[in-house]
Amino acid sequence: MLAYCVNESCNRPLHSFSEGRLFQFEVVSISVAASDDKSAPFDERPQRQTLHMWLCGRCASTMTLVLEPARGVKVVSLEDRDEHAHGLPANPDIPHAKEC
């Protein structure tokens, strides 16, 4: 359950969803053997998980969340978010996360 601002240097408690921004991420994960001598197809179904994270109003005014496939969700400044778009040109119409 969401209880605090996801920004570790803030940790403001969540009292109301009317303040700040709520984010939703769908994370799909599979396990891959480190040394697989066989080149067999995956026999495992990906696991899907929905994450909900909240940034308080103060943090949301200067920061956002981005999902990096290898590292997970990161808090980044609004100015730096385009660097985390996997080398794609910045497009303000494509959100980095689904806002709830």
PDB file of N, CA and C in Angstrom:
ATOM      1  N   MET A   1       0.839  -1.188   0.000  1.00  0.00           N
ATOM      2  CA  MET A   1       0.000   0.000   0.000  1.00  0.00           C
ATOM      3  C   MET A   1       0.881   1.247   0.000  1.00  0.00           C
ATOM      4  N   LEU A   2       0.417   2.272  -0.662  1.00  0.00           N
ATOM      5  CA  LEU A   2       1.137   3.531  -0.703  1.00  0.00           C
ATOM      6  C   LEU A   2       1.012   4.225   0.638  1.00  0.00           C
ATOM      7  N   ALA A   3       2.135   4.632   1.179  1.00  0.00           N
ATOM      8  CA  ALA A   3       2.087   5.326   2.460  1.00  0.00           C
ATOM      9  C   ALA A   3       2.906   6.611   2.450  1.00  0.00           C
ATOM     10  N   TYR A   4       3.934   6.659   1.593  1.00  0.00           N
ATOM     11  CA  TYR A   4       4.862   7.790   1.596  1.00  0.00           C
ATOM     12  C   TYR A   4       5.235   8.176   0.172  1.00  0.00           C
ATOM     13  N   CYS A   5       5.732   9.392   0.017  1.00  0.00           N
ATOM     14  CA  CYS A   5       6.286   9.857  -1.251  1.00  0.00           C
ATOM     15  C   CYS A   5       7.435   8.919  -1.621  1.00  0.00           C
ATOM     16  N   VAL A   6       7.492   8.511  -2.883  1.00  0.00           N
ATOM     17  CA  VAL A   6       8.501   7.553  -3.320  1.00  0.00           C
ATOM     18  C   VAL A   6       9.906   8.166  -3.357  1.00  0.00           C
ATOM     19  N   ASN A   7      10.009   9.486  -3.332  1.00  0.00           N
ATOM     20  CA  ASN A   7      11.309  10.150  -3.288  1.00  0.00           C
ATOM     21  C   ASN A   7      11.928   9.889  -1.910  1.00  0.00           C
ATOM     22  N   GLU A   8      13.014   9.136  -1.865  1.00  0.00           N
ATOM     23  CA  GLU A   8      13.632   8.732  -0.601  1.00  0.00           C
ATOM     24  C   GLU A   8      14.085   9.914   0.254  1.00  0.00           C
ATOM     25  N   SER A   9      14.434  11.015  -0.364  1.00  0.00           N
ATOM     26  CA  SER A   9      14.875  12.160   0.427  1.00  0.00           C
ATOM     27  C   SER A   9      13.710  12.985   0.957  1.00  0.00           C
ATOM     28  N   CYS A  10      12.494  12.612   0.610  1.00  0.00           N
ATOM     29  CA  CYS A  10      11.306  13.332   1.078  1.00  0.00           C
ATOM     30  C   CYS A  10      10.521  12.483   2.083  1.00  0.00           C
ATOM     31  N   ASN A  11       9.981  11.369   1.613  1.00  0.00           N
ATOM     32  CA  ASN A  11       9.183  10.446   2.431  1.00  0.00           C
ATOM     33  C   ASN A  11       7.991  11.107   3.123  1.00  0.00           C
ATOM     34  N   ARG A  12       7.398  12.117   2.498  1.00  0.00           N
ATOM     35  CA  ARG A  12       6.209  12.768   3.063  1.00  0.00           C
ATOM     36  C   ARG A  12       5.064  11.743   3.116  1.00  0.00           C
ATOM     37  N   PRO A  13       4.346  11.670   4.230  1.00  0.00           N
ATOM     38  CA  PRO A  13       3.244  10.704   4.325  1.00  0.00           C
ATOM     39  C   PRO A  13       2.073  11.073   3.418  1.00  0.00           C
ATOM     40  N   LEU A  14       1.442  10.055   2.873  1.00  0.00           N
ATOM     41  CA  LEU A  14       0.291  10.235   1.997  1.00  0.00           C
ATOM     42  C   LEU A  14      -0.958  10.384   2.850  1.00  0.00           C
ATOM     43  N   HIS A  15      -1.633  11.526   2.700  1.00  0.00           N
ATOM     44  CA  HIS A  15      -2.882  11.756   3.423  1.00  0.00           C
ATOM     45  C   HIS A  15      -4.062  11.820   2.465  1.00  0.00           C
ATOM     46  N   SER A  16      -3.804  12.260   1.221  1.00  0.00           N
ATOM     47  CA  SER A  16      -4.886  12.416   0.258  1.00  0.00           C
ATOM     48  C   SER A  16      -4.320  12.323  -1.161  1.00  0.00           C
ATOM     49  N   PHE A  17      -5.079  11.668  -2.048  1.00  0.00           N
ATOM     50  CA  PHE A  17      -4.652  11.576  -3.442  1.00  0.00           C
ATOM     51  C   PHE A  17      -4.913  12.874  -4.199  1.00  0.00           C
ATOM     52  N   SER A  18      -5.536  13.848  -3.564  1.00  0.00           N
ATOM     53  CA  SER A  18      -5.793  15.116  -4.237  1.00  0.00           C
ATOM     54  C   SER A  18      -4.532  15.963  -4.355  1.00  0.00           C
ATOM     55  N   GLU A  19      -3.494  15.581  -3.638  1.00  0.00           N
ATOM     56  CA  GLU A  19      -2.228  16.302  -3.675  1.00  0.00           C
ATOM     57  C   GLU A  19      -1.152  15.374  -4.245  1.00  0.00           C
ATOM     58  N   GLY A  20      -0.370  15.865  -5.181  1.00  0.00           N
ATOM     59  CA  GLY A  20       0.713  15.068  -5.756  1.00  0.00           C
ATOM     60  C   GLY A  20       0.276  14.324  -6.997  1.00  0.00           C
ATOM     61  N   ARG A  21       1.084  13.338  -7.394  1.00  0.00           N
ATOM     62  CA  ARG A  21       0.808  12.535  -8.595  1.00  0.00           C
ATOM     63  C   ARG A  21       0.944  11.060  -8.274  1.00  0.00           C
ATOM     64  N   LEU A  22      -0.015  10.286  -8.738  1.00  0.00           N
ATOM     65  CA  LEU A  22      -0.007   8.844  -8.576  1.00  0.00           C
ATOM     66  C   LEU A  22       0.402   8.221  -9.904  1.00  0.00           C
ATOM     67  N   PHE A  23       1.340   7.286  -9.864  1.00  0.00           N
ATOM     68  CA  PHE A  23       1.836   6.614 -11.063  1.00  0.00           C
ATOM     69  C   PHE A  23       1.509   5.133 -10.995  1.00  0.00           C
ATOM     70  N   GLN A  24       1.296   4.552 -12.157  1.00  0.00           N
ATOM     71  CA  GLN A  24       1.048   3.109 -12.258  1.00  0.00           C
ATOM     72  C   GLN A  24       1.986   2.548 -13.316  1.00  0.00           C
ATOM     73  N   PHE A  25       2.720   1.498 -12.951  1.00  0.00           N
ATOM     74  CA  PHE A  25       3.617   0.828 -13.882  1.00  0.00           C
ATOM     75  C   PHE A  25       3.243  -0.644 -13.949  1.00  0.00           C
ATOM     76  N   GLU A  26       3.269  -1.202 -15.147  1.00  0.00           N
ATOM     77  CA  GLU A  26       3.124  -2.642 -15.289  1.00  0.00           C
ATOM     78  C   GLU A  26       4.512  -3.199 -15.570  1.00  0.00           C
ATOM     79  N   VAL A  27       4.963  -4.079 -14.694  1.00  0.00           N
ATOM     80  CA  VAL A  27       6.293  -4.660 -14.807  1.00  0.00           C
ATOM     81  C   VAL A  27       6.126  -6.116 -15.219  1.00  0.00           C
ATOM     82  N   VAL A  28       6.832  -6.506 -16.274  1.00  0.00           N
ATOM     83  CA  VAL A  28       6.815  -7.881 -16.744  1.00  0.00           C
ATOM     84  C   VAL A  28       8.205  -8.445 -16.512  1.00  0.00           C
ATOM     85  N   SER A  29       8.267  -9.581 -15.844  1.00  0.00           N
ATOM     86  CA  SER A  29       9.580 -10.150 -15.553  1.00  0.00           C
ATOM     87  C   SER A  29       9.609 -11.630 -15.897  1.00  0.00           C
ATOM     88  N   ILE A  30      10.787 -12.063 -16.335  1.00  0.00           N
ATOM     89  CA  ILE A  30      11.055 -13.479 -16.565  1.00  0.00           C
ATOM     90  C   ILE A  30      12.410 -13.776 -15.956  1.00  0.00           C
ATOM     91  N   SER A  31      12.612 -15.012 -15.565  1.00  0.00           N
ATOM     92  CA  SER A  31      13.926 -15.384 -15.060  1.00  0.00           C
ATOM     93  C   SER A  31      14.691 -16.055 -16.188  1.00  0.00           C
ATOM     94  N   VAL A  32      15.939 -15.705 -16.300  1.00  0.00           N
ATOM     95  CA  VAL A  32      16.792 -16.251 -17.343  1.00  0.00           C
ATOM     96  C   VAL A  32      17.986 -16.904 -16.662  1.00  0.00           C
ATOM     97  N   ALA A  33      18.251 -18.149 -17.008  1.00  0.00           N
ATOM     98  CA  ALA A  33      19.387 -18.852 -16.415  1.00  0.00           C
ATOM     99  C   ALA A  33      20.680 -18.186 -16.854  1.00  0.00           C
ATOM    100  N   ALA A  34      21.608 -18.028 -15.933  1.00  0.00           N
ATOM    101  CA  ALA A  34      22.882 -17.375 -16.229  1.00  0.00           C
ATOM    102  C   ALA A  34      23.706 -18.181 -17.227  1.00  0.00           C
ATOM    103  N   SER A  35      23.670 -19.484 -17.124  1.00  0.00           N
ATOM    104  CA  SER A  35      24.422 -20.318 -18.072  1.00  0.00           C
ATOM    105  C   SER A  35      23.505 -21.416 -18.581  1.00  0.00           C
ATOM    106  N   ASP A  36      22.872 -21.143 -19.692  1.00  0.00           N
ATOM    107  CA  ASP A  36      21.955 -22.098 -20.300  1.00  0.00           C
ATOM    108  C   ASP A  36      22.627 -22.687 -21.532  1.00  0.00           C
ATOM    109  N   ASP A  37      23.109 -23.916 -21.412  1.00  0.00           N
ATOM    110  CA  ASP A  37      23.804 -24.562 -22.522  1.00  0.00           C
ATOM    111  C   ASP A  37      22.850 -24.955 -23.637  1.00  0.00           C
ATOM    112  N   LYS A  38      21.599 -25.117 -23.311  1.00  0.00           N
ATOM    113  CA  LYS A  38      20.591 -25.461 -24.311  1.00  0.00           C
ATOM    114  C   LYS A  38      20.002 -24.180 -24.874  1.00  0.00           C
ATOM    115  N   SER A  39      19.647 -24.226 -26.096  1.00  0.00           N
ATOM    116  CA  SER A  39      18.965 -23.060 -26.663  1.00  0.00           C
ATOM    117  C   SER A  39      17.485 -23.383 -26.825  1.00  0.00           C
ATOM    118  N   ALA A  40      16.907 -23.903 -25.755  1.00  0.00           N
ATOM    119  CA  ALA A  40      15.496 -24.259 -25.761  1.00  0.00           C
ATOM    120  C   ALA A  40      14.648 -23.001 -25.582  1.00  0.00           C
ATOM    121  N   PRO A  41      13.447 -23.009 -26.140  1.00  0.00           N
ATOM    122  CA  PRO A  41      12.571 -21.848 -25.939  1.00  0.00           C
ATOM    123  C   PRO A  41      12.134 -21.764 -24.477  1.00  0.00           C
ATOM    124  N   PHE A  42      11.747 -20.577 -24.076  1.00  0.00           N
ATOM    125  CA  PHE A  42      11.286 -20.383 -22.701  1.00  0.00           C
ATOM    126  C   PHE A  42      10.066 -21.244 -22.442  1.00  0.00           C
ATOM    127  N   ASP A  43      10.065 -21.921 -21.320  1.00  0.00           N
ATOM    128  CA  ASP A  43       8.894 -22.689 -20.925  1.00  0.00           C
ATOM    129  C   ASP A  43       8.235 -22.044 -19.708  1.00  0.00           C
ATOM    130  N   GLU A  44       8.554 -20.800 -19.504  1.00  0.00           N
ATOM    131  CA  GLU A  44       8.074 -20.075 -18.342  1.00  0.00           C
ATOM    132  C   GLU A  44       7.228 -18.895 -18.803  1.00  0.00           C
ATOM    133  N   ARG A  45       6.133 -18.674 -18.108  1.00  0.00           N
ATOM    134  CA  ARG A  45       5.290 -17.523 -18.431  1.00  0.00           C
ATOM    135  C   ARG A  45       5.827 -16.289 -17.715  1.00  0.00           C
ATOM    136  N   PRO A  46       5.827 -15.152 -18.394  1.00  0.00           N
ATOM    137  CA  PRO A  46       6.263 -13.924 -17.728  1.00  0.00           C
ATOM    138  C   PRO A  46       5.333 -13.590 -16.563  1.00  0.00           C
ATOM    139  N   GLN A  47       5.898 -13.042 -15.515  1.00  0.00           N
ATOM    140  CA  GLN A  47       5.101 -12.605 -14.379  1.00  0.00           C
ATOM    141  C   GLN A  47       4.818 -11.120 -14.540  1.00  0.00           C
ATOM    142  N   ARG A  48       3.567 -10.753 -14.385  1.00  0.00           N
ATOM    143  CA  ARG A  48       3.153  -9.358 -14.500  1.00  0.00           C
ATOM    144  C   ARG A  48       2.791  -8.844 -13.123  1.00  0.00           C
ATOM    145  N   GLN A  49       3.247  -7.631 -12.858  1.00  0.00           N
ATOM    146  CA  GLN A  49       2.981  -6.998 -11.573  1.00  0.00           C
ATOM    147  C   GLN A  49       2.660  -5.534 -11.833  1.00  0.00           C
ATOM    148  N   THR A  50       1.656  -5.020 -11.162  1.00  0.00           N
ATOM    149  CA  THR A  50       1.309  -3.611 -11.276  1.00  0.00           C
ATOM    150  C   THR A  50       1.816  -2.889 -10.038  1.00  0.00           C
ATOM    151  N   LEU A  51       2.613  -1.849 -10.261  1.00  0.00           N
ATOM    152  CA  LEU A  51       3.155  -1.040  -9.175  1.00  0.00           C
ATOM    153  C   LEU A  51       2.455   0.306  -9.145  1.00  0.00           C
ATOM    154  N   HIS A  52       2.088   0.753  -7.955  1.00  0.00           N
ATOM    155  CA  HIS A  52       1.524   2.084  -7.768  1.00  0.00           C
ATOM    156  C   HIS A  52       2.486   2.864  -6.885  1.00  0.00           C
ATOM    157  N   MET A  53       2.860   4.046  -7.338  1.00  0.00           N
ATOM    158  CA  MET A  53       3.789   4.894  -6.591  1.00  0.00           C
ATOM    159  C   MET A  53       3.260   6.314  -6.609  1.00  0.00           C
ATOM    160  N   TRP A  54       3.588   7.050  -5.553  1.00  0.00           N
ATOM    161  CA  TRP A  54       3.073   8.400  -5.389  1.00  0.00           C
ATOM    162  C   TRP A  54       4.210   9.371  -5.131  1.00  0.00           C
ATOM    163  N   LEU A  55       4.160  10.523  -5.812  1.00  0.00           N
ATOM    164  CA  LEU A  55       5.051  11.650  -5.540  1.00  0.00           C
ATOM    165  C   LEU A  55       4.200  12.756  -4.926  1.00  0.00           C
ATOM    166  N   CYS A  56       4.647  13.313  -3.805  1.00  0.00           N
ATOM    167  CA  CYS A  56       3.913  14.413  -3.177  1.00  0.00           C
ATOM    168  C   CYS A  56       3.931  15.622  -4.114  1.00  0.00           C
ATOM    169  N   GLY A  57       3.098  16.596  -3.851  1.00  0.00           N
ATOM    170  CA  GLY A  57       2.999  17.781  -4.709  1.00  0.00           C
ATOM    171  C   GLY A  57       4.302  18.525  -4.863  1.00  0.00           C
ATOM    172  N   ARG A  58       5.045  18.658  -3.781  1.00  0.00           N
ATOM    173  CA  ARG A  58       6.321  19.375  -3.838  1.00  0.00           C
ATOM    174  C   ARG A  58       7.310  18.644  -4.750  1.00  0.00           C
ATOM    175  N   CYS A  59       7.415  17.333  -4.598  1.00  0.00           N
ATOM    176  CA  CYS A  59       8.348  16.559  -5.431  1.00  0.00           C
ATOM    177  C   CYS A  59       7.859  16.470  -6.877  1.00  0.00           C
ATOM    178  N   ALA A  60       6.547  16.307  -7.070  1.00  0.00           N
ATOM    179  CA  ALA A  60       5.994  16.177  -8.415  1.00  0.00           C
ATOM    180  C   ALA A  60       6.162  17.453  -9.236  1.00  0.00           C
ATOM    181  N   SER A  61       6.363  18.581  -8.580  1.00  0.00           N
ATOM    182  CA  SER A  61       6.551  19.823  -9.330  1.00  0.00           C
ATOM    183  C   SER A  61       7.919  19.886 -10.004  1.00  0.00           C
ATOM    184  N   THR A  62       8.875  19.075  -9.544  1.00  0.00           N
ATOM    185  CA  THR A  62      10.223  19.097 -10.126  1.00  0.00           C
ATOM    186  C   THR A  62      10.726  17.720 -10.556  1.00  0.00           C
ATOM    187  N   MET A  63       9.968  16.660 -10.223  1.00  0.00           N
ATOM    188  CA  MET A  63      10.436  15.298 -10.501  1.00  0.00           C
ATOM    189  C   MET A  63       9.333  14.454 -11.130  1.00  0.00           C
ATOM    190  N   THR A  64       9.754  13.347 -11.720  1.00  0.00           N
ATOM    191  CA  THR A  64       8.830  12.360 -12.262  1.00  0.00           C
ATOM    192  C   THR A  64       9.447  10.988 -12.061  1.00  0.00           C
ATOM    193  N   LEU A  65       8.713   9.956 -12.448  1.00  0.00           N
ATOM    194  CA  LEU A  65       9.214   8.588 -12.349  1.00  0.00           C
ATOM    195  C   LEU A  65       9.374   8.022 -13.748  1.00  0.00           C
ATOM    196  N   VAL A  66      10.447   7.250 -13.951  1.00  0.00           N
ATOM    197  CA  VAL A  66      10.665   6.551 -15.213  1.00  0.00           C
ATOM    198  C   VAL A  66      10.985   5.096 -14.900  1.00  0.00           C
ATOM    199  N   LEU A  67      10.611   4.229 -15.817  1.00  0.00           N
ATOM    200  CA  LEU A  67      10.882   2.807 -15.675  1.00  0.00           C
ATOM    201  C   LEU A  67      12.046   2.436 -16.568  1.00  0.00           C
ATOM    202  N   GLU A  68      13.126   1.978 -15.965  1.00  0.00           N
ATOM    203  CA  GLU A  68      14.274   1.486 -16.716  1.00  0.00           C
ATOM    204  C   GLU A  68      14.232  -0.040 -16.640  1.00  0.00           C
ATOM    205  N   PRO A  69      14.192  -0.715 -17.778  1.00  0.00           N
ATOM    206  CA  PRO A  69      14.011  -2.165 -17.781  1.00  0.00           C
ATOM    207  C   PRO A  69      15.012  -2.933 -16.907  1.00  0.00           C
ATOM    208  N   ALA A  70      16.246  -2.536 -16.894  1.00  0.00           N
ATOM    209  CA  ALA A  70      17.245  -3.294 -16.130  1.00  0.00           C
ATOM    210  C   ALA A  70      17.341  -2.851 -14.672  1.00  0.00           C
ATOM    211  N   ARG A  71      16.884  -1.649 -14.360  1.00  0.00           N
ATOM    212  CA  ARG A  71      17.066  -1.106 -13.009  1.00  0.00           C
ATOM    213  C   ARG A  71      15.780  -0.862 -12.243  1.00  0.00           C
ATOM    214  N   GLY A  72      14.654  -0.846 -12.913  1.00  0.00           N
ATOM    215  CA  GLY A  72      13.390  -0.598 -12.242  1.00  0.00           C
ATOM    216  C   GLY A  72      12.976   0.861 -12.318  1.00  0.00           C
ATOM    217  N   VAL A  73      12.123   1.259 -11.389  1.00  0.00           N
ATOM    218  CA  VAL A  73      11.586   2.612 -11.369  1.00  0.00           C
ATOM    219  C   VAL A  73      12.567   3.543 -10.680  1.00  0.00           C
ATOM    220  N   LYS A  74      12.779   4.711 -11.307  1.00  0.00           N
ATOM    221  CA  LYS A  74      13.695   5.712 -10.751  1.00  0.00           C
ATOM    222  C   LYS A  74      13.003   7.055 -10.665  1.00  0.00           C
ATOM    223  N   VAL A  75      13.356   7.814  -9.639  1.00  0.00           N
ATOM    224  CA  VAL A  75      12.915   9.200  -9.514  1.00  0.00           C
ATOM    225  C   VAL A  75      13.943  10.056 -10.242  1.00  0.00           C
ATOM    226  N   VAL A  76      13.488  10.853 -11.204  1.00  0.00           N
ATOM    227  CA  VAL A  76      14.395  11.728 -11.948  1.00  0.00           C
ATOM    228  C   VAL A  76      13.784  13.120 -12.028  1.00  0.00           C
ATOM    229  N   SER A  77      14.637  14.108 -12.214  1.00  0.00           N
ATOM    230  CA  SER A  77      14.139  15.473 -12.360  1.00  0.00           C
ATOM    231  C   SER A  77      13.423  15.594 -13.703  1.00  0.00           C
ATOM    232  N   LEU A  78      12.488  16.519 -13.782  1.00  0.00           N
ATOM    233  CA  LEU A  78      11.777  16.741 -15.040  1.00  0.00           C
ATOM    234  C   LEU A  78      12.738  17.137 -16.147  1.00  0.00           C
ATOM    235  N   GLU A  79      13.801  17.840 -15.795  1.00  0.00           N
ATOM    236  CA  GLU A  79      14.795  18.250 -16.791  1.00  0.00           C
ATOM    237  C   GLU A  79      15.576  17.062 -17.334  1.00  0.00           C
ATOM    238  N   ASP A  80      15.825  16.053 -16.493  1.00  0.00           N
ATOM    239  CA  ASP A  80      16.639  14.904 -16.898  1.00  0.00           C
ATOM    240  C   ASP A  80      15.833  13.737 -17.442  1.00  0.00           C
ATOM    241  N   ARG A  81      14.520  13.798 -17.414  1.00  0.00           N
ATOM    242  CA  ARG A  81      13.717  12.628 -17.781  1.00  0.00           C
ATOM    243  C   ARG A  81      13.931  12.190 -19.222  1.00  0.00           C
ATOM    244  N   ASP A  82      14.222  13.118 -20.129  1.00  0.00           N
ATOM    245  CA  ASP A  82      14.397  12.749 -21.527  1.00  0.00           C
ATOM    246  C   ASP A  82      15.672  11.943 -21.754  1.00  0.00           C
ATOM    247  N   GLU A  83      16.657  12.082 -20.882  1.00  0.00           N
ATOM    248  CA  GLU A  83      17.868  11.275 -20.981  1.00  0.00           C
ATOM    249  C   GLU A  83      17.577   9.813 -20.661  1.00  0.00           C
ATOM    250  N   HIS A  84      16.507   9.566 -19.936  1.00  0.00           N
ATOM    251  CA  HIS A  84      16.153   8.215 -19.525  1.00  0.00           C
ATOM    252  C   HIS A  84      15.149   7.563 -20.467  1.00  0.00           C
ATOM    253  N   ALA A  85      14.909   8.173 -21.610  1.00  0.00           N
ATOM    254  CA  ALA A  85      13.921   7.661 -22.555  1.00  0.00           C
ATOM    255  C   ALA A  85      14.555   6.684 -23.536  1.00  0.00           C
ATOM    256  N   HIS A  86      15.596   5.986 -23.092  1.00  0.00           N
ATOM    257  CA  HIS A  86      16.237   4.923 -23.881  1.00  0.00           C
ATOM    258  C   HIS A  86      16.755   5.417 -25.219  1.00  0.00           C
ATOM    259  N   GLY A  87      17.272   6.632 -25.252  1.00  0.00           N
ATOM    260  CA  GLY A  87      17.871   7.156 -26.468  1.00  0.00           C
ATOM    261  C   GLY A  87      16.873   7.623 -27.500  1.00  0.00           C
ATOM    262  N   LEU A  88      15.586   7.618 -27.169  1.00  0.00           N
ATOM    263  CA  LEU A  88      14.581   8.067 -28.110  1.00  0.00           C
ATOM    264  C   LEU A  88      14.439   9.580 -28.025  1.00  0.00           C
ATOM    265  N   PRO A  89      14.073  10.222 -29.114  1.00  0.00           N
ATOM    266  CA  PRO A  89      13.860  11.664 -29.055  1.00  0.00           C
ATOM    267  C   PRO A  89      12.728  11.985 -28.088  1.00  0.00           C
ATOM    268  N   ALA A  90      12.822  13.129 -27.446  1.00  0.00           N
ATOM    269  CA  ALA A  90      11.812  13.531 -26.472  1.00  0.00           C
ATOM    270  C   ALA A  90      10.480  13.759 -27.173  1.00  0.00           C
ATOM    271  N   ASN A  91       9.413  13.235 -26.602  1.00  0.00           N
ATOM    272  CA  ASN A  91       8.073  13.438 -27.113  1.00  0.00           C
ATOM    273  C   ASN A  91       7.169  13.691 -25.918  1.00  0.00           C
ATOM    274  N   PRO A  92       6.755  14.921 -25.690  1.00  0.00           N
ATOM    275  CA  PRO A  92       5.954  15.236 -24.502  1.00  0.00           C
ATOM    276  C   PRO A  92       4.584  14.589 -24.518  1.00  0.00           C
ATOM    277  N   ASP A  93       4.121  14.070 -25.680  1.00  0.00           N
ATOM    278  CA  ASP A  93       2.808  13.440 -25.762  1.00  0.00           C
ATOM    279  C   ASP A  93       2.819  11.993 -25.287  1.00  0.00           C
ATOM    280  N   ILE A  94       4.015  11.407 -25.117  1.00  0.00           N
ATOM    281  CA  ILE A  94       4.120  10.016 -24.665  1.00  0.00           C
ATOM    282  C   ILE A  94       4.543  10.017 -23.206  1.00  0.00           C
ATOM    283  N   PRO A  95       3.640   9.598 -22.321  1.00  0.00           N
ATOM    284  CA  PRO A  95       3.998   9.598 -20.898  1.00  0.00           C
ATOM    285  C   PRO A  95       4.971   8.472 -20.572  1.00  0.00           C
ATOM    286  N   HIS A  96       5.796   8.686 -19.537  1.00  0.00           N
ATOM    287  CA  HIS A  96       6.721   7.666 -19.091  1.00  0.00           C
ATOM    288  C   HIS A  96       6.050   6.691 -18.148  1.00  0.00           C
ATOM    289  N   ALA A  97       4.945   7.090 -17.626  1.00  0.00           N
ATOM    290  CA  ALA A  97       4.180   6.234 -16.724  1.00  0.00           C
ATOM    291  C   ALA A  97       2.716   6.591 -16.901  1.00  0.00           C
ATOM    292  N   LYS A  98       1.885   5.665 -16.581  1.00  0.00           N
ATOM    293  CA  LYS A  98       0.450   5.917 -16.632  1.00  0.00           C
ATOM    294  C   LYS A  98       0.054   6.626 -15.354  1.00  0.00           C
ATOM    295  N   GLU A  99      -0.530   7.798 -15.519  1.00  0.00           N
ATOM    296  CA  GLU A  99      -1.005   8.511 -14.330  1.00  0.00           C
ATOM    297  C   GLU A  99      -2.387   8.012 -13.995  1.00  0.00           C
ATOM    298  N   CYS A 100      -2.619   7.816 -12.720  1.00  0.00           N
ATOM    299  CA  CYS A 100      -3.933   7.337 -12.266  1.00  0.00           C
ATOM    300  C   CYS A 100      -4.835   8.506 -11.980  1.00  0.00           C
TER     301      CYS A 100
END
